[in-house]
Amino acid sequence: MKIRLLKPHEIPAALELAKRVFMLFEAPDYGEEGVRAFTDSLADHRFISGLVFYGAFEKGELLGTIATRRNGSHISYLFVDERYHRRGIGRRLVEKVLKSTDSPVVTVNAAPYPVGFYHR
């Protein structure tokens, strides 16, 4: 598996992956307004253009994605394709971010579903 910065033309696929996984695992914990806020954020080109995206790839397939903002000090959009959960992909994406930032503190606002992941 290779983890690397995403090229601009690859970001739409990362956003689609994020939306699909969000709808499967996180949306049930949110009300209609929360789901709408998340999906609206995916279409906010100004917000998205301020993020740095990484992707985990195997044989050319995007397995997971993570984005950062605030010069790498805040994690956004950490999602792994549901077929590849519990294989260390999320951990490796977070490790890539931590190695890529000079920030002494990295924050995240987690939905209920991945809280256990972040604690580990």
N, C-alpha and C. Protein backbone atom coordinates (compact mmCIF):
# COMPACT_ATOMS: atom_id res chain seq x y z
N MET A 1 0.84 -1.17 0.00
CA MET A 1 0.00 0.00 0.00
C MET A 1 0.89 1.24 0.00
N LYS A 2 0.48 2.22 -0.77
CA LYS A 2 1.22 3.47 -0.86
C LYS A 2 0.31 4.61 -0.39
N ILE A 3 0.87 5.47 0.46
CA ILE A 3 0.14 6.66 0.91
C ILE A 3 0.87 7.87 0.36
N ARG A 4 0.11 8.73 -0.32
CA ARG A 4 0.72 9.90 -0.95
C ARG A 4 -0.28 11.04 -1.03
N LEU A 5 0.27 12.22 -1.32
CA LEU A 5 -0.58 13.38 -1.57
C LEU A 5 -1.46 13.09 -2.78
N LEU A 6 -2.69 13.54 -2.72
CA LEU A 6 -3.57 13.38 -3.87
C LEU A 6 -3.33 14.50 -4.86
N LYS A 7 -3.44 14.17 -6.12
CA LYS A 7 -3.39 15.16 -7.18
C LYS A 7 -4.77 15.81 -7.27
N PRO A 8 -4.84 17.05 -7.75
CA PRO A 8 -6.13 17.74 -7.80
C PRO A 8 -7.24 16.93 -8.48
N HIS A 9 -6.92 16.23 -9.55
CA HIS A 9 -7.95 15.47 -10.26
C HIS A 9 -8.42 14.24 -9.47
N GLU A 10 -7.70 13.85 -8.39
CA GLU A 10 -8.08 12.70 -7.58
C GLU A 10 -8.98 13.08 -6.39
N ILE A 11 -9.06 14.36 -6.10
CA ILE A 11 -9.84 14.81 -4.94
C ILE A 11 -11.32 14.47 -5.07
N PRO A 12 -11.96 14.62 -6.23
CA PRO A 12 -13.38 14.23 -6.32
C PRO A 12 -13.63 12.77 -5.91
N ALA A 13 -12.73 11.86 -6.27
CA ALA A 13 -12.90 10.46 -5.86
C ALA A 13 -12.79 10.32 -4.34
N ALA A 14 -11.90 11.09 -3.72
CA ALA A 14 -11.77 11.06 -2.26
C ALA A 14 -13.03 11.59 -1.60
N LEU A 15 -13.62 12.62 -2.17
CA LEU A 15 -14.85 13.18 -1.61
C LEU A 15 -16.02 12.21 -1.78
N GLU A 16 -16.06 11.49 -2.89
CA GLU A 16 -17.09 10.47 -3.08
C GLU A 16 -16.94 9.34 -2.08
N LEU A 17 -15.71 8.91 -1.85
CA LEU A 17 -15.45 7.87 -0.86
C LEU A 17 -15.90 8.37 0.52
N ALA A 18 -15.55 9.61 0.86
CA ALA A 18 -15.94 10.18 2.15
C ALA A 18 -17.47 10.20 2.30
N LYS A 19 -18.16 10.62 1.26
CA LYS A 19 -19.62 10.68 1.33
C LYS A 19 -20.23 9.29 1.50
N ARG A 20 -19.75 8.33 0.73
CA ARG A 20 -20.31 6.97 0.81
C ARG A 20 -20.11 6.38 2.21
N VAL A 21 -18.89 6.49 2.73
CA VAL A 21 -18.61 5.91 4.04
C VAL A 21 -19.35 6.67 5.14
N PHE A 22 -19.42 7.98 5.01
CA PHE A 22 -20.19 8.78 5.98
C PHE A 22 -21.65 8.32 6.03
N MET A 23 -22.24 8.17 4.86
CA MET A 23 -23.65 7.79 4.80
C MET A 23 -23.88 6.40 5.40
N LEU A 24 -22.95 5.50 5.23
CA LEU A 24 -23.10 4.15 5.77
C LEU A 24 -22.92 4.08 7.28
N PHE A 25 -21.91 4.77 7.80
CA PHE A 25 -21.51 4.57 9.19
C PHE A 25 -21.78 5.74 10.12
N GLU A 26 -21.82 6.95 9.61
CA GLU A 26 -21.94 8.10 10.48
C GLU A 26 -23.30 8.79 10.41
N ALA A 27 -23.87 8.85 9.23
CA ALA A 27 -25.14 9.54 9.06
C ALA A 27 -26.23 9.05 10.01
N PRO A 28 -26.29 7.74 10.33
CA PRO A 28 -27.34 7.29 11.26
C PRO A 28 -27.26 7.95 12.64
N ASP A 29 -26.10 8.48 13.01
CA ASP A 29 -25.95 9.15 14.30
C ASP A 29 -26.26 10.64 14.23
N TYR A 30 -26.55 11.14 13.06
CA TYR A 30 -26.80 12.56 12.85
C TYR A 30 -28.26 12.78 12.46
N GLY A 31 -28.74 13.96 12.75
CA GLY A 31 -30.05 14.35 12.26
C GLY A 31 -29.93 14.83 10.82
N GLU A 32 -31.06 15.16 10.25
CA GLU A 32 -31.09 15.63 8.86
C GLU A 32 -30.19 16.85 8.66
N GLU A 33 -30.19 17.75 9.62
CA GLU A 33 -29.38 18.96 9.51
C GLU A 33 -27.87 18.63 9.52
N GLY A 34 -27.47 17.69 10.36
CA GLY A 34 -26.06 17.29 10.41
C GLY A 34 -25.60 16.62 9.13
N VAL A 35 -26.45 15.76 8.59
CA VAL A 35 -26.12 15.10 7.32
C VAL A 35 -26.00 16.15 6.21
N ARG A 36 -26.93 17.08 6.19
CA ARG A 36 -26.89 18.14 5.17
C ARG A 36 -25.62 18.99 5.32
N ALA A 37 -25.24 19.31 6.54
CA ALA A 37 -24.04 20.12 6.76
C ALA A 37 -22.80 19.39 6.23
N PHE A 38 -22.74 18.08 6.48
CA PHE A 38 -21.59 17.33 5.98
C PHE A 38 -21.59 17.29 4.46
N THR A 39 -22.70 16.94 3.85
CA THR A 39 -22.72 16.85 2.39
C THR A 39 -22.50 18.21 1.75
N ASP A 40 -22.99 19.27 2.38
CA ASP A 40 -22.73 20.62 1.87
C ASP A 40 -21.24 20.94 1.92
N SER A 41 -20.56 20.47 2.97
CA SER A 41 -19.11 20.74 3.08
C SER A 41 -18.35 20.09 1.93
N LEU A 42 -18.82 18.95 1.47
CA LEU A 42 -18.16 18.26 0.36
C LEU A 42 -18.26 19.05 -0.94
N ALA A 43 -19.29 19.88 -1.05
CA ALA A 43 -19.50 20.68 -2.26
C ALA A 43 -18.98 22.10 -2.12
N ASP A 44 -18.40 22.44 -0.97
CA ASP A 44 -17.88 23.79 -0.72
C ASP A 44 -16.47 23.88 -1.30
N HIS A 45 -16.39 24.31 -2.54
CA HIS A 45 -15.11 24.32 -3.24
C HIS A 45 -14.07 25.21 -2.56
N ARG A 46 -14.51 26.29 -1.97
CA ARG A 46 -13.57 27.18 -1.26
C ARG A 46 -12.97 26.46 -0.06
N PHE A 47 -13.80 25.76 0.71
CA PHE A 47 -13.32 25.02 1.87
C PHE A 47 -12.40 23.87 1.43
N ILE A 48 -12.85 23.11 0.46
CA ILE A 48 -12.08 21.95 -0.03
C ILE A 48 -10.73 22.39 -0.58
N SER A 49 -10.68 23.54 -1.24
CA SER A 49 -9.41 23.99 -1.83
C SER A 49 -8.38 24.37 -0.76
N GLY A 50 -8.82 24.58 0.47
CA GLY A 50 -7.91 24.90 1.56
C GLY A 50 -7.38 23.68 2.29
N LEU A 51 -7.76 22.49 1.84
CA LEU A 51 -7.33 21.25 2.48
C LEU A 51 -6.19 20.60 1.71
N VAL A 52 -5.40 19.83 2.43
CA VAL A 52 -4.36 19.01 1.82
C VAL A 52 -4.83 17.57 1.97
N PHE A 53 -4.98 16.87 0.86
CA PHE A 53 -5.51 15.51 0.85
C PHE A 53 -4.40 14.48 0.61
N TYR A 54 -4.49 13.39 1.36
CA TYR A 54 -3.64 12.22 1.15
C TYR A 54 -4.56 11.05 0.83
N GLY A 55 -4.01 10.09 0.13
CA GLY A 55 -4.78 8.89 -0.19
C GLY A 55 -3.94 7.64 0.03
N ALA A 56 -4.61 6.57 0.41
CA ALA A 56 -3.99 5.25 0.51
C ALA A 56 -4.40 4.46 -0.72
N PHE A 57 -3.42 3.98 -1.46
CA PHE A 57 -3.68 3.28 -2.71
C PHE A 57 -3.08 1.89 -2.69
N GLU A 58 -3.79 0.99 -3.35
CA GLU A 58 -3.25 -0.34 -3.61
C GLU A 58 -3.70 -0.73 -5.01
N LYS A 59 -2.73 -1.07 -5.85
CA LYS A 59 -3.01 -1.43 -7.24
C LYS A 59 -3.86 -0.37 -7.94
N GLY A 60 -3.58 0.90 -7.64
CA GLY A 60 -4.27 2.00 -8.27
C GLY A 60 -5.64 2.33 -7.69
N GLU A 61 -6.10 1.56 -6.72
CA GLU A 61 -7.42 1.79 -6.11
C GLU A 61 -7.27 2.63 -4.85
N LEU A 62 -8.10 3.67 -4.73
CA LEU A 62 -8.13 4.51 -3.54
C LEU A 62 -8.88 3.77 -2.44
N LEU A 63 -8.14 3.42 -1.37
CA LEU A 63 -8.72 2.66 -0.26
C LEU A 63 -9.16 3.55 0.89
N GLY A 64 -8.50 4.69 1.03
CA GLY A 64 -8.82 5.59 2.13
C GLY A 64 -8.26 6.96 1.86
N THR A 65 -8.77 7.93 2.62
CA THR A 65 -8.34 9.31 2.43
C THR A 65 -8.32 10.03 3.77
N ILE A 66 -7.51 11.05 3.83
CA ILE A 66 -7.44 11.94 4.98
C ILE A 66 -7.07 13.32 4.45
N ALA A 67 -7.59 14.34 5.08
CA ALA A 67 -7.24 15.71 4.70
C ALA A 67 -6.83 16.46 5.96
N THR A 68 -6.04 17.49 5.75
CA THR A 68 -5.64 18.35 6.86
C THR A 68 -5.90 19.80 6.50
N ARG A 69 -6.02 20.59 7.53
CA ARG A 69 -6.09 22.03 7.36
C ARG A 69 -5.28 22.68 8.47
N ARG A 70 -5.21 23.98 8.42
CA ARG A 70 -4.41 24.73 9.40
C ARG A 70 -2.96 24.24 9.41
N ASN A 71 -2.38 24.14 8.23
CA ASN A 71 -0.98 23.71 8.08
C ASN A 71 -0.72 22.35 8.71
N GLY A 72 -1.66 21.46 8.61
CA GLY A 72 -1.48 20.10 9.11
C GLY A 72 -1.82 19.91 10.56
N SER A 73 -2.37 20.92 11.21
CA SER A 73 -2.66 20.80 12.64
C SER A 73 -4.09 20.35 12.94
N HIS A 74 -4.89 20.11 11.91
CA HIS A 74 -6.25 19.62 12.12
C HIS A 74 -6.60 18.59 11.05
N ILE A 75 -7.09 17.45 11.49
CA ILE A 75 -7.48 16.36 10.59
C ILE A 75 -8.94 16.51 10.19
N SER A 76 -9.19 16.32 8.92
CA SER A 76 -10.54 16.33 8.37
C SER A 76 -10.67 15.13 7.42
N TYR A 77 -11.88 14.72 7.20
CA TYR A 77 -12.20 13.72 6.15
C TYR A 77 -11.32 12.47 6.18
N LEU A 78 -11.23 11.84 7.34
CA LEU A 78 -10.56 10.54 7.41
C LEU A 78 -11.62 9.47 7.17
N PHE A 79 -11.50 8.81 6.04
CA PHE A 79 -12.46 7.77 5.67
C PHE A 79 -11.73 6.64 4.96
N VAL A 80 -12.12 5.42 5.29
CA VAL A 80 -11.57 4.23 4.65
C VAL A 80 -12.74 3.45 4.05
N ASP A 81 -12.56 3.04 2.82
CA ASP A 81 -13.57 2.23 2.13
C ASP A 81 -14.01 1.09 3.06
N GLU A 82 -15.29 0.89 3.16
CA GLU A 82 -15.84 -0.09 4.11
C GLU A 82 -15.31 -1.51 3.89
N ARG A 83 -14.90 -1.83 2.70
CA ARG A 83 -14.35 -3.16 2.43
C ARG A 83 -12.97 -3.36 3.04
N TYR A 84 -12.35 -2.27 3.48
CA TYR A 84 -10.98 -2.34 3.98
C TYR A 84 -10.83 -1.88 5.43
N HIS A 85 -11.95 -1.80 6.14
CA HIS A 85 -11.88 -1.43 7.55
C HIS A 85 -11.08 -2.47 8.33
N ARG A 86 -10.47 -2.00 9.41
CA ARG A 86 -9.74 -2.83 10.38
C ARG A 86 -8.52 -3.53 9.77
N ARG A 87 -7.90 -2.83 8.82
CA ARG A 87 -6.68 -3.36 8.20
C ARG A 87 -5.49 -2.41 8.39
N GLY A 88 -5.64 -1.41 9.25
CA GLY A 88 -4.56 -0.48 9.54
C GLY A 88 -4.42 0.68 8.59
N ILE A 89 -5.34 0.82 7.66
CA ILE A 89 -5.24 1.90 6.66
C ILE A 89 -5.46 3.25 7.32
N GLY A 90 -6.47 3.39 8.16
CA GLY A 90 -6.71 4.65 8.86
C GLY A 90 -5.52 5.04 9.72
N ARG A 91 -4.96 4.08 10.43
CA ARG A 91 -3.80 4.34 11.28
C ARG A 91 -2.63 4.84 10.44
N ARG A 92 -2.40 4.22 9.30
CA ARG A 92 -1.29 4.63 8.44
C ARG A 92 -1.52 6.01 7.85
N LEU A 93 -2.79 6.34 7.56
CA LEU A 93 -3.09 7.69 7.06
C LEU A 93 -2.80 8.73 8.14
N VAL A 94 -3.21 8.45 9.37
CA VAL A 94 -2.94 9.38 10.48
C VAL A 94 -1.44 9.50 10.70
N GLU A 95 -0.73 8.40 10.66
CA GLU A 95 0.73 8.44 10.83
C GLU A 95 1.39 9.31 9.76
N LYS A 96 0.90 9.23 8.53
CA LYS A 96 1.44 10.06 7.44
C LYS A 96 1.24 11.54 7.75
N VAL A 97 0.06 11.89 8.23
CA VAL A 97 -0.21 13.28 8.59
C VAL A 97 0.72 13.73 9.72
N LEU A 98 0.84 12.90 10.73
CA LEU A 98 1.68 13.27 11.88
C LEU A 98 3.14 13.46 11.48
N LYS A 99 3.61 12.65 10.53
CA LYS A 99 4.99 12.79 10.05
C LYS A 99 5.16 13.99 9.12
N SER A 100 4.05 14.48 8.55
CA SER A 100 4.11 15.55 7.56
C SER A 100 3.91 16.95 8.15
N THR A 101 3.63 17.04 9.44
CA THR A 101 3.37 18.34 10.04
C THR A 101 4.43 18.68 11.08
N ASP A 102 4.68 19.95 11.22
CA ASP A 102 5.56 20.44 12.27
C ASP A 102 4.78 20.85 13.50
N SER A 103 3.46 20.80 13.42
CA SER A 103 2.62 21.23 14.53
C SER A 103 2.80 20.30 15.73
N PRO A 104 2.98 20.87 16.93
CA PRO A 104 3.13 20.02 18.12
C PRO A 104 1.80 19.39 18.56
N VAL A 105 0.69 19.94 18.07
CA VAL A 105 -0.64 19.44 18.41
C VAL A 105 -1.44 19.28 17.13
N VAL A 106 -2.08 18.13 16.99
CA VAL A 106 -2.97 17.88 15.85
C VAL A 106 -4.34 17.56 16.43
N THR A 107 -5.35 18.29 15.96
CA THR A 107 -6.71 18.13 16.48
C THR A 107 -7.61 17.44 15.47
N VAL A 108 -8.75 16.96 15.98
CA VAL A 108 -9.77 16.34 15.13
C VAL A 108 -11.11 16.51 15.82
N ASN A 109 -12.15 16.72 15.05
CA ASN A 109 -13.52 16.69 15.55
C ASN A 109 -14.12 15.39 15.03
N ALA A 110 -14.32 14.43 15.91
CA ALA A 110 -14.74 13.10 15.49
C ALA A 110 -16.23 12.89 15.66
N ALA A 111 -16.81 12.20 14.70
CA ALA A 111 -18.18 11.73 14.81
C ALA A 111 -18.20 10.56 15.79
N PRO A 112 -19.36 10.17 16.27
CA PRO A 112 -19.41 9.06 17.23
C PRO A 112 -18.80 7.75 16.73
N TYR A 113 -19.00 7.42 15.47
CA TYR A 113 -18.54 6.12 14.95
C TYR A 113 -17.03 5.91 15.10
N PRO A 114 -16.17 6.89 14.74
CA PRO A 114 -14.73 6.61 14.81
C PRO A 114 -14.03 6.99 16.13
N VAL A 115 -14.77 7.37 17.15
CA VAL A 115 -14.14 7.81 18.39
C VAL A 115 -13.19 6.75 18.94
N GLY A 116 -13.59 5.50 18.93
CA GLY A 116 -12.73 4.42 19.43
C GLY A 116 -11.43 4.35 18.64
N PHE A 117 -11.51 4.54 17.35
CA PHE A 117 -10.31 4.54 16.50
C PHE A 117 -9.34 5.62 16.96
N TYR A 118 -9.85 6.84 17.16
CA TYR A 118 -8.97 7.94 17.55
C TYR A 118 -8.37 7.72 18.94
N HIS A 119 -9.09 7.10 19.84
CA HIS A 119 -8.55 6.80 21.15
C HIS A 119 -7.39 5.81 21.07
N ARG A 120 -7.48 4.87 20.15
CA ARG A 120 -6.38 3.90 19.99
C ARG A 120 -5.20 4.59 19.37
